[in-house]
Amino acid sequence: MPRKAKKIDLQNLEPEEKLKYEIAEELGLLDRVLKDGWKSLSAKETGRIGGLMTKRRREEKMGI
């Protein structure tokens, strides 16, 4: 039996989660994530999201 997808409230996320969804949207992956979940992404796609999250956090720390 397939698991029911939990409805995501994009307005009410923790900052870390919000950043993840923002990057997924920028990469054109948000629709797939919302429809099929994070597991629908390839390792390359999730790695790209993780890399960009790390880069953004580093830039925020440095004040760029």
Protein backbone atom coordinates (compact mmCIF):
# COMPACT_ATOMS: atom_id res chain seq x y z
CA MET A 1 0.00 0.00 0.00
CA PRO A 2 1.54 3.36 -1.02
CA ARG A 3 2.25 5.82 1.74
CA LYS A 4 0.09 8.91 1.67
CA ALA A 5 2.07 12.01 0.82
CA LYS A 6 1.99 14.56 3.60
CA LYS A 7 0.77 17.97 2.45
CA ILE A 8 3.64 20.45 2.70
CA ASP A 9 2.96 23.96 3.96
CA LEU A 10 5.66 25.93 2.14
CA GLN A 11 4.86 29.05 4.18
CA ASN A 12 5.44 27.36 7.53
CA LEU A 13 8.85 25.66 7.34
CA GLU A 14 11.98 25.78 9.43
CA PRO A 15 14.66 27.99 7.78
CA GLU A 16 16.75 24.94 6.83
CA GLU A 17 13.79 23.20 5.18
CA LYS A 18 12.71 26.40 3.50
CA LEU A 19 16.16 26.78 1.93
CA LYS A 20 16.00 23.19 0.66
CA TYR A 21 12.66 23.81 -1.05
CA GLU A 22 13.83 27.15 -2.49
CA ILE A 23 16.86 25.50 -4.07
CA ALA A 24 14.74 22.63 -5.41
CA GLU A 25 12.50 25.24 -7.02
CA GLU A 26 15.46 27.08 -8.56
CA LEU A 27 16.70 23.81 -10.05
CA GLY A 28 13.26 23.02 -11.47
CA LEU A 29 12.74 20.04 -9.15
CA LEU A 30 10.07 21.38 -6.80
CA ASP A 31 7.08 20.05 -8.73
CA ARG A 32 8.51 16.53 -8.66
CA VAL A 33 9.36 16.79 -4.95
CA LEU A 34 5.85 17.96 -4.09
CA LYS A 35 4.26 15.27 -6.24
CA ASP A 36 6.47 12.25 -5.48
CA GLY A 37 8.61 13.24 -2.49
CA TRP A 38 12.36 13.66 -2.03
CA LYS A 39 12.99 9.99 -2.81
CA SER A 40 12.01 10.63 -6.43
CA LEU A 41 15.23 12.61 -6.96
CA SER A 42 18.49 11.05 -8.09
CA ALA A 43 21.62 11.07 -5.95
CA LYS A 44 23.07 13.68 -8.29
CA GLU A 45 20.05 15.96 -7.83
CA THR A 46 19.98 15.66 -4.05
CA GLY A 47 23.75 16.18 -3.92
CA ARG A 48 23.36 19.36 -5.95
CA ILE A 49 20.72 20.64 -3.52
CA GLY A 50 22.94 19.79 -0.53
CA GLY A 51 25.94 21.46 -2.12
CA LEU A 52 24.03 24.65 -2.85
CA MET A 53 22.61 24.68 0.70
CA THR A 54 26.15 24.45 2.11
CA LYS A 55 27.35 27.21 -0.22
CA ARG A 56 24.48 29.52 0.78
CA ARG A 57 25.01 28.94 4.50
CA ARG A 58 28.71 29.70 4.08
CA GLU A 59 27.90 32.89 2.16
CA GLU A 60 25.40 33.97 4.83
CA LYS A 61 28.04 33.44 7.53
CA MET A 62 30.54 35.54 5.61
CA GLY A 63 27.94 38.22 4.91
CA ILE A 64 28.08 37.95 1.13
